[in-house]
């Protein structure tokens, strides 16, 4: 279940996200950037929470096994555009 994802900070705005996938786990590194944080404009938004909500957003749209091993949140913004930013603001609000 995607609600059981685990997130570990690796420092320097990088996070290791572990998704449950049946008996296994799928790991992906997520990179948050100041650009995205500024673009979101959500006061007090926790970076780890943004990564978590992004991971859930992606898992709702594709099988976790298909999530790439490295995700730059700027790339998620470029791919999903306003849909992602609006959804993320709602989840963080």
PDB file of N, CA and C in Angstrom:
ATOM      1  N   UNK A   1       0.845  -1.184   0.000  1.00  0.00           N
ATOM      2  CA  UNK A   1       0.000   0.000   0.000  1.00  0.00           C
ATOM      3  C   UNK A   1       0.886   1.242   0.000  1.00  0.00           C
ATOM      4  N   UNK A   2       0.562   2.204  -0.841  1.00  0.00           N
ATOM      5  CA  UNK A   2       1.410   3.382  -0.985  1.00  0.00           C
ATOM      6  C   UNK A   2       1.441   4.242   0.262  1.00  0.00           C
ATOM      7  N   UNK A   3       0.436   4.144   1.110  1.00  0.00           N
ATOM      8  CA  UNK A   3       0.445   4.927   2.344  1.00  0.00           C
ATOM      9  C   UNK A   3       1.586   4.488   3.260  1.00  0.00           C
ATOM     10  N   UNK A   4       2.121   3.310   3.035  1.00  0.00           N
ATOM     11  CA  UNK A   4       3.201   2.777   3.858  1.00  0.00           C
ATOM     12  C   UNK A   4       4.585   3.059   3.285  1.00  0.00           C
ATOM     13  N   UNK A   5       4.685   4.047   2.414  1.00  0.00           N
ATOM     14  CA  UNK A   5       6.008   4.366   1.891  1.00  0.00           C
ATOM     15  C   UNK A   5       6.882   4.890   3.026  1.00  0.00           C
ATOM     16  N   UNK A   6       8.177   4.641   2.886  1.00  0.00           N
ATOM     17  CA  UNK A   6       9.138   5.114   3.889  1.00  0.00           C
ATOM     18  C   UNK A   6      10.079   6.103   3.216  1.00  0.00           C
ATOM     19  N   UNK A   7      10.392   7.159   3.945  1.00  0.00           N
ATOM     20  CA  UNK A   7      11.261   8.202   3.406  1.00  0.00           C
ATOM     21  C   UNK A   7      12.423   8.427   4.353  1.00  0.00           C
ATOM     22  N   UNK A   8      13.614   8.459   3.770  1.00  0.00           N
ATOM     23  CA  UNK A   8      14.833   8.685   4.546  1.00  0.00           C
ATOM     24  C   UNK A   8      15.602   9.846   3.923  1.00  0.00           C
ATOM     25  N   UNK A   9      15.937  10.819   4.730  1.00  0.00           N
ATOM     26  CA  UNK A   9      16.724  11.952   4.244  1.00  0.00           C
ATOM     27  C   UNK A   9      18.169  11.506   4.036  1.00  0.00           C
ATOM     28  N   UNK A  10      18.707  11.852   2.880  1.00  0.00           N
ATOM     29  CA  UNK A  10      20.105  11.552   2.571  1.00  0.00           C
ATOM     30  C   UNK A  10      20.962  12.808   2.634  1.00  0.00           C
ATOM     31  N   UNK A  11      20.339  13.936   2.991  1.00  0.00           N
ATOM     32  CA  UNK A  11      21.046  15.209   3.039  1.00  0.00           C
ATOM     33  C   UNK A  11      21.047  15.900   1.696  1.00  0.00           C
ATOM     34  N   UNK A  12      21.373  17.164   1.702  1.00  0.00           N
ATOM     35  CA  UNK A  12      21.473  17.954   0.472  1.00  0.00           C
ATOM     36  C   UNK A  12      20.219  17.874  -0.398  1.00  0.00           C
ATOM     37  N   UNK A  13      19.042  17.917   0.232  1.00  0.00           N
ATOM     38  CA  UNK A  13      17.750  17.909  -0.467  1.00  0.00           C
ATOM     39  C   UNK A  13      17.470  16.593  -1.185  1.00  0.00           C
ATOM     40  N   UNK A  14      18.148  15.529  -0.813  1.00  0.00           N
ATOM     41  CA  UNK A  14      17.952  14.228  -1.448  1.00  0.00           C
ATOM     42  C   UNK A  14      17.327  13.264  -0.449  1.00  0.00           C
ATOM     43  N   UNK A  15      16.390  12.447  -0.954  1.00  0.00           N
ATOM     44  CA  UNK A  15      15.644  11.515  -0.112  1.00  0.00           C
ATOM     45  C   UNK A  15      15.572  10.152  -0.792  1.00  0.00           C
ATOM     46  N   UNK A  16      15.636   9.120   0.022  1.00  0.00           N
ATOM     47  CA  UNK A  16      15.421   7.769  -0.459  1.00  0.00           C
ATOM     48  C   UNK A  16      13.987   7.398  -0.096  1.00  0.00           C
ATOM     49  N   UNK A  17      13.207   7.032  -1.106  1.00  0.00           N
ATOM     50  CA  UNK A  17      11.814   6.664  -0.903  1.00  0.00           C
ATOM     51  C   UNK A  17      11.682   5.171  -1.193  1.00  0.00           C
ATOM     52  N   UNK A  18      11.087   4.460  -0.258  1.00  0.00           N
ATOM     53  CA  UNK A  18      10.868   3.019  -0.414  1.00  0.00           C
ATOM     54  C   UNK A  18       9.365   2.763  -0.504  1.00  0.00           C
ATOM     55  N   UNK A  19       8.957   2.201  -1.632  1.00  0.00           N
ATOM     56  CA  UNK A  19       7.558   1.868  -1.874  1.00  0.00           C
ATOM     57  C   UNK A  19       7.355   0.371  -1.660  1.00  0.00           C
ATOM     58  N   UNK A  20       6.317  -0.035  -0.925  1.00  0.00           N
ATOM     59  CA  UNK A  20       6.013  -1.461  -0.856  1.00  0.00           C
ATOM     60  C   UNK A  20       5.487  -1.922  -2.218  1.00  0.00           C
ATOM     61  N   UNK A  21       5.942  -3.091  -2.647  1.00  0.00           N
ATOM     62  CA  UNK A  21       5.511  -3.661  -3.929  1.00  0.00           C
ATOM     63  C   UNK A  21       5.348  -5.159  -3.731  1.00  0.00           C
ATOM     64  N   UNK A  22       4.202  -5.552  -3.220  1.00  0.00           N
ATOM     65  CA  UNK A  22       3.979  -6.962  -2.911  1.00  0.00           C
ATOM     66  C   UNK A  22       4.901  -7.372  -1.782  1.00  0.00           C
ATOM     67  N   UNK A  23       5.681  -8.396  -2.008  1.00  0.00           N
ATOM     68  CA  UNK A  23       6.634  -8.881  -1.006  1.00  0.00           C
ATOM     69  C   UNK A  23       7.948  -8.097  -1.031  1.00  0.00           C
ATOM     70  N   UNK A  24       8.111  -7.257  -2.039  1.00  0.00           N
ATOM     71  CA  UNK A  24       9.359  -6.524  -2.233  1.00  0.00           C
ATOM     72  C   UNK A  24       9.176  -5.036  -1.948  1.00  0.00           C
ATOM     73  N   UNK A  25      10.246  -4.307  -2.150  1.00  0.00           N
ATOM     74  CA  UNK A  25      10.236  -2.852  -2.067  1.00  0.00           C
ATOM     75  C   UNK A  25      10.872  -2.278  -3.322  1.00  0.00           C
ATOM     76  N   UNK A  26      10.370  -1.140  -3.729  1.00  0.00           N
ATOM     77  CA  UNK A  26      10.961  -0.403  -4.831  1.00  0.00           C
ATOM     78  C   UNK A  26      11.572   0.863  -4.236  1.00  0.00           C
ATOM     79  N   UNK A  27      12.832   1.124  -4.569  1.00  0.00           N
ATOM     80  CA  UNK A  27      13.516   2.307  -4.049  1.00  0.00           C
ATOM     81  C   UNK A  27      13.707   3.328  -5.159  1.00  0.00           C
ATOM     82  N   UNK A  28      13.566   4.575  -4.783  1.00  0.00           N
ATOM     83  CA  UNK A  28      13.792   5.671  -5.711  1.00  0.00           C
ATOM     84  C   UNK A  28      14.354   6.850  -4.929  1.00  0.00           C
ATOM     85  N   UNK A  29      15.309   7.539  -5.516  1.00  0.00           N
ATOM     86  CA  UNK A  29      15.865   8.739  -4.891  1.00  0.00           C
ATOM     87  C   UNK A  29      15.120   9.953  -5.437  1.00  0.00           C
ATOM     88  N   UNK A  30      14.720  10.815  -4.536  1.00  0.00           N
ATOM     89  CA  UNK A  30      14.004  12.035  -4.906  1.00  0.00           C
ATOM     90  C   UNK A  30      14.880  13.231  -4.567  1.00  0.00           C
ATOM     91  N   UNK A  31      14.935  14.185  -5.462  1.00  0.00           N
ATOM     92  CA  UNK A  31      15.710  15.400  -5.258  1.00  0.00           C
ATOM     93  C   UNK A  31      14.758  16.590  -5.246  1.00  0.00           C
ATOM     94  N   UNK A  32      14.709  17.279  -4.124  1.00  0.00           N
ATOM     95  CA  UNK A  32      13.904  18.497  -3.995  1.00  0.00           C
ATOM     96  C   UNK A  32      14.807  19.685  -4.283  1.00  0.00           C
ATOM     97  N   UNK A  33      14.234  20.737  -4.823  1.00  0.00           N
ATOM     98  CA  UNK A  33      15.032  21.922  -5.135  1.00  0.00           C
ATOM     99  C   UNK A  33      14.368  23.166  -4.562  1.00  0.00           C
ATOM    100  N   UNK A  34      15.183  24.163  -4.339  1.00  0.00           N
ATOM    101  CA  UNK A  34      14.674  25.447  -3.860  1.00  0.00           C
ATOM    102  C   UNK A  34      13.702  26.057  -4.865  1.00  0.00           C
ATOM    103  N   UNK A  35      13.927  25.798  -6.147  1.00  0.00           N
ATOM    104  CA  UNK A  35      13.057  26.349  -7.187  1.00  0.00           C
ATOM    105  C   UNK A  35      11.628  25.855  -6.978  1.00  0.00           C
ATOM    106  N   UNK A  36      11.470  24.559  -6.739  1.00  0.00           N
ATOM    107  CA  UNK A  36      10.136  24.014  -6.516  1.00  0.00           C
ATOM    108  C   UNK A  36       9.530  24.573  -5.239  1.00  0.00           C
ATOM    109  N   UNK A  37      10.309  24.637  -4.186  1.00  0.00           N
ATOM    110  CA  UNK A  37       9.798  25.168  -2.925  1.00  0.00           C
ATOM    111  C   UNK A  37       9.314  26.598  -3.101  1.00  0.00           C
ATOM    112  N   UNK A  38      10.059  27.391  -3.850  1.00  0.00           N
ATOM    113  CA  UNK A  38       9.646  28.770  -4.126  1.00  0.00           C
ATOM    114  C   UNK A  38       8.393  28.809  -4.992  1.00  0.00           C
ATOM    115  N   UNK A  39       8.342  27.931  -5.991  1.00  0.00           N
ATOM    116  CA  UNK A  39       7.197  27.900  -6.903  1.00  0.00           C
ATOM    117  C   UNK A  39       5.917  27.472  -6.187  1.00  0.00           C
ATOM    118  N   UNK A  40       6.040  26.551  -5.242  1.00  0.00           N
ATOM    119  CA  UNK A  40       4.870  26.104  -4.486  1.00  0.00           C
ATOM    120  C   UNK A  40       4.281  27.218  -3.647  1.00  0.00           C
ATOM    121  N   UNK A  41       5.160  28.002  -3.053  1.00  0.00           N
ATOM    122  CA  UNK A  41       4.735  29.124  -2.216  1.00  0.00           C
ATOM    123  C   UNK A  41       3.758  28.672  -1.124  1.00  0.00           C
ATOM    124  N   UNK A  42       4.150  27.621  -0.408  1.00  0.00           N
ATOM    125  CA  UNK A  42       3.365  27.126   0.730  1.00  0.00           C
ATOM    126  C   UNK A  42       4.195  27.393   1.979  1.00  0.00           C
ATOM    127  N   UNK A  43       3.841  28.440   2.732  1.00  0.00           N
ATOM    128  CA  UNK A  43       4.631  28.791   3.919  1.00  0.00           C
ATOM    129  C   UNK A  43       4.734  27.631   4.904  1.00  0.00           C
ATOM    130  N   UNK A  44       5.944  27.389   5.379  1.00  0.00           N
ATOM    131  CA  UNK A  44       6.176  26.356   6.376  1.00  0.00           C
ATOM    132  C   UNK A  44       6.125  24.933   5.842  1.00  0.00           C
ATOM    133  N   UNK A  45       6.100  24.764   4.522  1.00  0.00           N
ATOM    134  CA  UNK A  45       6.038  23.419   3.949  1.00  0.00           C
ATOM    135  C   UNK A  45       7.336  22.671   4.250  1.00  0.00           C
ATOM    136  N   UNK A  46       7.191  21.489   4.791  1.00  0.00           N
ATOM    137  CA  UNK A  46       8.324  20.637   5.129  1.00  0.00           C
ATOM    138  C   UNK A  46       8.780  19.888   3.879  1.00  0.00           C
ATOM    139  N   UNK A  47      10.066  19.957   3.586  1.00  0.00           N
ATOM    140  CA  UNK A  47      10.608  19.332   2.379  1.00  0.00           C
ATOM    141  C   UNK A  47      10.328  17.832   2.334  1.00  0.00           C
ATOM    142  N   UNK A  48      10.490  17.142   3.442  1.00  0.00           N
ATOM    143  CA  UNK A  48      10.228  15.697   3.474  1.00  0.00           C
ATOM    144  C   UNK A  48       8.752  15.411   3.173  1.00  0.00           C
ATOM    145  N   UNK A  49       7.873  16.265   3.652  1.00  0.00           N
ATOM    146  CA  UNK A  49       6.439  16.081   3.374  1.00  0.00           C
ATOM    147  C   UNK A  49       6.142  16.316   1.897  1.00  0.00           C
ATOM    148  N   UNK A  50       6.819  17.283   1.295  1.00  0.00           N
ATOM    149  CA  UNK A  50       6.652  17.520  -0.143  1.00  0.00           C
ATOM    150  C   UNK A  50       7.087  16.288  -0.923  1.00  0.00           C
ATOM    151  N   UNK A  51       8.200  15.695  -0.528  1.00  0.00           N
ATOM    152  CA  UNK A  51       8.685  14.477  -1.192  1.00  0.00           C
ATOM    153  C   UNK A  51       7.670  13.352  -1.001  1.00  0.00           C
ATOM    154  N   UNK A  52       7.158  13.190   0.200  1.00  0.00           N
ATOM    155  CA  UNK A  52       6.167  12.142   0.485  1.00  0.00           C
ATOM    156  C   UNK A  52       4.924  12.312  -0.371  1.00  0.00           C
ATOM    157  N   UNK A  53       4.406  13.526  -0.416  1.00  0.00           N
ATOM    158  CA  UNK A  53       3.194  13.778  -1.197  1.00  0.00           C
ATOM    159  C   UNK A  53       3.447  13.605  -2.694  1.00  0.00           C
ATOM    160  N   UNK A  54       4.645  13.948  -3.133  1.00  0.00           N
ATOM    161  CA  UNK A  54       5.009  13.730  -4.534  1.00  0.00           C
ATOM    162  C   UNK A  54       5.072  12.242  -4.841  1.00  0.00           C
ATOM    163  N   UNK A  55       5.666  11.475  -3.940  1.00  0.00           N
ATOM    164  CA  UNK A  55       5.741  10.021  -4.126  1.00  0.00           C
ATOM    165  C   UNK A  55       4.334   9.418  -4.197  1.00  0.00           C
ATOM    166  N   UNK A  56       3.445   9.862  -3.328  1.00  0.00           N
ATOM    167  CA  UNK A  56       2.063   9.377  -3.356  1.00  0.00           C
ATOM    168  C   UNK A  56       1.360   9.797  -4.645  1.00  0.00           C
ATOM    169  N   UNK A  57       1.581  11.032  -5.061  1.00  0.00           N
ATOM    170  CA  UNK A  57       1.021  11.549  -6.313  1.00  0.00           C
ATOM    171  C   UNK A  57       1.427  10.640  -7.479  1.00  0.00           C
ATOM    172  N   UNK A  58       2.713  10.321  -7.555  1.00  0.00           N
ATOM    173  CA  UNK A  58       3.205   9.467  -8.645  1.00  0.00           C
ATOM    174  C   UNK A  58       2.640   8.050  -8.548  1.00  0.00           C
ATOM    175  N   UNK A  59       2.589   7.507  -7.328  1.00  0.00           N
ATOM    176  CA  UNK A  59       2.092   6.140  -7.135  1.00  0.00           C
ATOM    177  C   UNK A  59       0.610   6.018  -7.477  1.00  0.00           C
ATOM    178  N   UNK A  60      -0.117   7.104  -7.407  1.00  0.00           N
ATOM    179  CA  UNK A  60      -1.531   7.096  -7.785  1.00  0.00           C
ATOM    180  C   UNK A  60      -1.712   7.102  -9.297  1.00  0.00           C
ATOM    181  N   UNK A  61      -0.657   7.414 -10.029  1.00  0.00           N
ATOM    182  CA  UNK A  61      -0.756   7.556 -11.470  1.00  0.00           C
ATOM    183  C   UNK A  61      -0.023   6.478 -12.260  1.00  0.00           C
ATOM    184  N   UNK A  62       0.773   5.680 -11.570  1.00  0.00           N
ATOM    185  CA  UNK A  62       1.508   4.616 -12.258  1.00  0.00           C
ATOM    186  C   UNK A  62       1.912   3.548 -11.248  1.00  0.00           C
ATOM    187  N   UNK A  63       2.140   2.327 -11.736  1.00  0.00           N
ATOM    188  CA  UNK A  63       2.622   1.289 -10.814  1.00  0.00           C
ATOM    189  C   UNK A  63       3.970   1.695 -10.217  1.00  0.00           C
ATOM    190  N   UNK A  64       4.156   1.445  -8.925  1.00  0.00           N
ATOM    191  CA  UNK A  64       5.406   1.857  -8.277  1.00  0.00           C
ATOM    192  C   UNK A  64       6.622   1.206  -8.920  1.00  0.00           C
ATOM    193  N   UNK A  65       6.459   0.046  -9.485  1.00  0.00           N
ATOM    194  CA  UNK A  65       7.575  -0.639 -10.142  1.00  0.00           C
ATOM    195  C   UNK A  65       8.086   0.170 -11.346  1.00  0.00           C
ATOM    196  N   UNK A  66       7.214   1.047 -11.896  1.00  0.00           N
ATOM    197  CA  UNK A  66       7.586   1.873 -13.046  1.00  0.00           C
ATOM    198  C   UNK A  66       8.135   3.240 -12.665  1.00  0.00           C
ATOM    199  N   UNK A  67       8.167   3.549 -11.381  1.00  0.00           N
ATOM    200  CA  UNK A  67       8.713   4.836 -10.948  1.00  0.00           C
ATOM    201  C   UNK A  67      10.233   4.785 -11.116  1.00  0.00           C
ATOM    202  N   UNK A  68      10.810   5.769 -11.792  1.00  0.00           N
ATOM    203  CA  UNK A  68      12.254   5.744 -12.060  1.00  0.00           C
ATOM    204  C   UNK A  68      13.090   5.728 -10.774  1.00  0.00           C
ATOM    205  N   UNK A  69      14.311   5.238 -10.856  1.00  0.00           N
ATOM    206  CA  UNK A  69      15.179   5.166  -9.674  1.00  0.00           C
ATOM    207  C   UNK A  69      15.643   6.530  -9.182  1.00  0.00           C
ATOM    208  N   UNK A  70      15.533   7.566 -10.014  1.00  0.00           N
ATOM    209  CA  UNK A  70      15.913   8.923  -9.611  1.00  0.00           C
ATOM    210  C   UNK A  70      14.837   9.881 -10.100  1.00  0.00           C
ATOM    211  N   UNK A  71      14.298  10.661  -9.177  1.00  0.00           N
ATOM    212  CA  UNK A  71      13.246  11.632  -9.498  1.00  0.00           C
ATOM    213  C   UNK A  71      13.710  13.012  -9.051  1.00  0.00           C
ATOM    214  N   UNK A  72      13.726  13.936  -9.964  1.00  0.00           N
ATOM    215  CA  UNK A  72      13.962  15.338  -9.645  1.00  0.00           C
ATOM    216  C   UNK A  72      12.585  15.992  -9.630  1.00  0.00           C
ATOM    217  N   UNK A  73      12.223  16.637  -8.528  1.00  0.00           N
ATOM    218  CA  UNK A  73      10.885  17.203  -8.434  1.00  0.00           C
ATOM    219  C   UNK A  73      10.631  18.254  -9.512  1.00  0.00           C
ATOM    220  N   UNK A  74      11.671  18.888 -10.008  1.00  0.00           N
ATOM    221  CA  UNK A  74      11.502  19.820 -11.124  1.00  0.00           C
ATOM    222  C   UNK A  74      11.016  19.085 -12.371  1.00  0.00           C
ATOM    223  N   UNK A  75      11.472  17.837 -12.567  1.00  0.00           N
ATOM    224  CA  UNK A  75      11.017  17.040 -13.708  1.00  0.00           C
ATOM    225  C   UNK A  75       9.542  16.653 -13.562  1.00  0.00           C
ATOM    226  N   UNK A  76       9.116  16.385 -12.335  1.00  0.00           N
ATOM    227  CA  UNK A  76       7.699  16.084 -12.092  1.00  0.00           C
ATOM    228  C   UNK A  76       6.865  17.307 -12.446  1.00  0.00           C
ATOM    229  N   UNK A  77       7.340  18.474 -12.040  1.00  0.00           N
ATOM    230  CA  UNK A  77       6.653  19.722 -12.374  1.00  0.00           C
ATOM    231  C   UNK A  77       6.592  19.911 -13.889  1.00  0.00           C
ATOM    232  N   UNK A  78       7.696  19.657 -14.570  1.00  0.00           N
ATOM    233  CA  UNK A  78       7.735  19.822 -16.025  1.00  0.00           C
ATOM    234  C   UNK A  78       6.776  18.854 -16.712  1.00  0.00           C
ATOM    235  N   UNK A  79       6.668  17.636 -16.193  1.00  0.00           N
ATOM    236  CA  UNK A  79       5.818  16.622 -16.826  1.00  0.00           C
ATOM    237  C   UNK A  79       4.333  16.842 -16.535  1.00  0.00           C
ATOM    238  N   UNK A  80       3.995  17.086 -15.278  1.00  0.00           N
ATOM    239  CA  UNK A  80       2.589  17.196 -14.880  1.00  0.00           C
ATOM    240  C   UNK A  80       2.085  18.636 -14.794  1.00  0.00           C
ATOM    241  N   UNK A  81       2.982  19.590 -14.745  1.00  0.00           N
ATOM    242  CA  UNK A  81       2.609  20.999 -14.757  1.00  0.00           C
ATOM    243  C   UNK A  81       1.699  21.412 -13.623  1.00  0.00           C
ATOM    244  N   UNK A  82       0.698  22.196 -13.973  1.00  0.00           N
ATOM    245  CA  UNK A  82      -0.213  22.754 -12.978  1.00  0.00           C
ATOM    246  C   UNK A  82      -0.988  21.683 -12.215  1.00  0.00           C
ATOM    247  N   UNK A  83      -1.251  20.541 -12.852  1.00  0.00           N
ATOM    248  CA  UNK A  83      -1.959  19.447 -12.153  1.00  0.00           C
ATOM    249  C   UNK A  83      -1.192  19.049 -10.895  1.00  0.00           C
ATOM    250  N   UNK A  84       0.109  18.874 -11.039  1.00  0.00           N
ATOM    251  CA  UNK A  84       0.960  18.482  -9.906  1.00  0.00           C
ATOM    252  C   UNK A  84       1.026  19.587  -8.857  1.00  0.00           C
ATOM    253  N   UNK A  85       1.302  20.806  -9.300  1.00  0.00           N
ATOM    254  CA  UNK A  85       1.451  21.912  -8.355  1.00  0.00           C
ATOM    255  C   UNK A  85       0.159  22.177  -7.590  1.00  0.00           C
ATOM    256  N   UNK A  86      -0.967  22.144  -8.274  1.00  0.00           N
ATOM    257  CA  UNK A  86      -2.265  22.362  -7.619  1.00  0.00           C
ATOM    258  C   UNK A  86      -2.556  21.256  -6.627  1.00  0.00           C
ATOM    259  N   UNK A  87      -2.331  20.011  -7.034  1.00  0.00           N
ATOM    260  CA  UNK A  87      -2.571  18.876  -6.138  1.00  0.00           C
ATOM    261  C   UNK A  87      -1.660  18.933  -4.918  1.00  0.00           C
ATOM    262  N   UNK A  88      -0.419  19.285  -5.146  1.00  0.00           N
ATOM    263  CA  UNK A  88       0.544  19.363  -4.044  1.00  0.00           C
ATOM    264  C   UNK A  88       0.148  20.464  -3.054  1.00  0.00           C
ATOM    265  N   UNK A  89      -0.262  21.594  -3.562  1.00  0.00           N
ATOM    266  CA  UNK A  89      -0.718  22.678  -2.673  1.00  0.00           C
ATOM    267  C   UNK A  89      -1.913  22.235  -1.842  1.00  0.00           C
ATOM    268  N   UNK A  90      -2.846  21.516  -2.460  1.00  0.00           N
ATOM    269  CA  UNK A  90      -4.023  21.022  -1.730  1.00  0.00           C
ATOM    270  C   UNK A  90      -3.604  20.038  -0.628  1.00  0.00           C
ATOM    271  N   UNK A  91      -2.695  19.149  -0.956  1.00  0.00           N
ATOM    272  CA  UNK A  91      -2.244  18.147   0.019  1.00  0.00           C
ATOM    273  C   UNK A  91      -1.474  18.777   1.181  1.00  0.00           C
ATOM    274  N   UNK A  92      -0.770  19.847   0.895  1.00  0.00           N
ATOM    275  CA  UNK A  92       0.048  20.493   1.925  1.00  0.00           C
ATOM    276  C   UNK A  92      -0.720  21.546   2.724  1.00  0.00           C
ATOM    277  N   UNK A  93      -1.839  21.989   2.166  1.00  0.00           N
ATOM    278  CA  UNK A  93      -2.588  23.083   2.777  1.00  0.00           C
ATOM    279  C   UNK A  93      -3.360  22.745   4.007  1.00  0.00           C
TER     280      UNK A  93
END
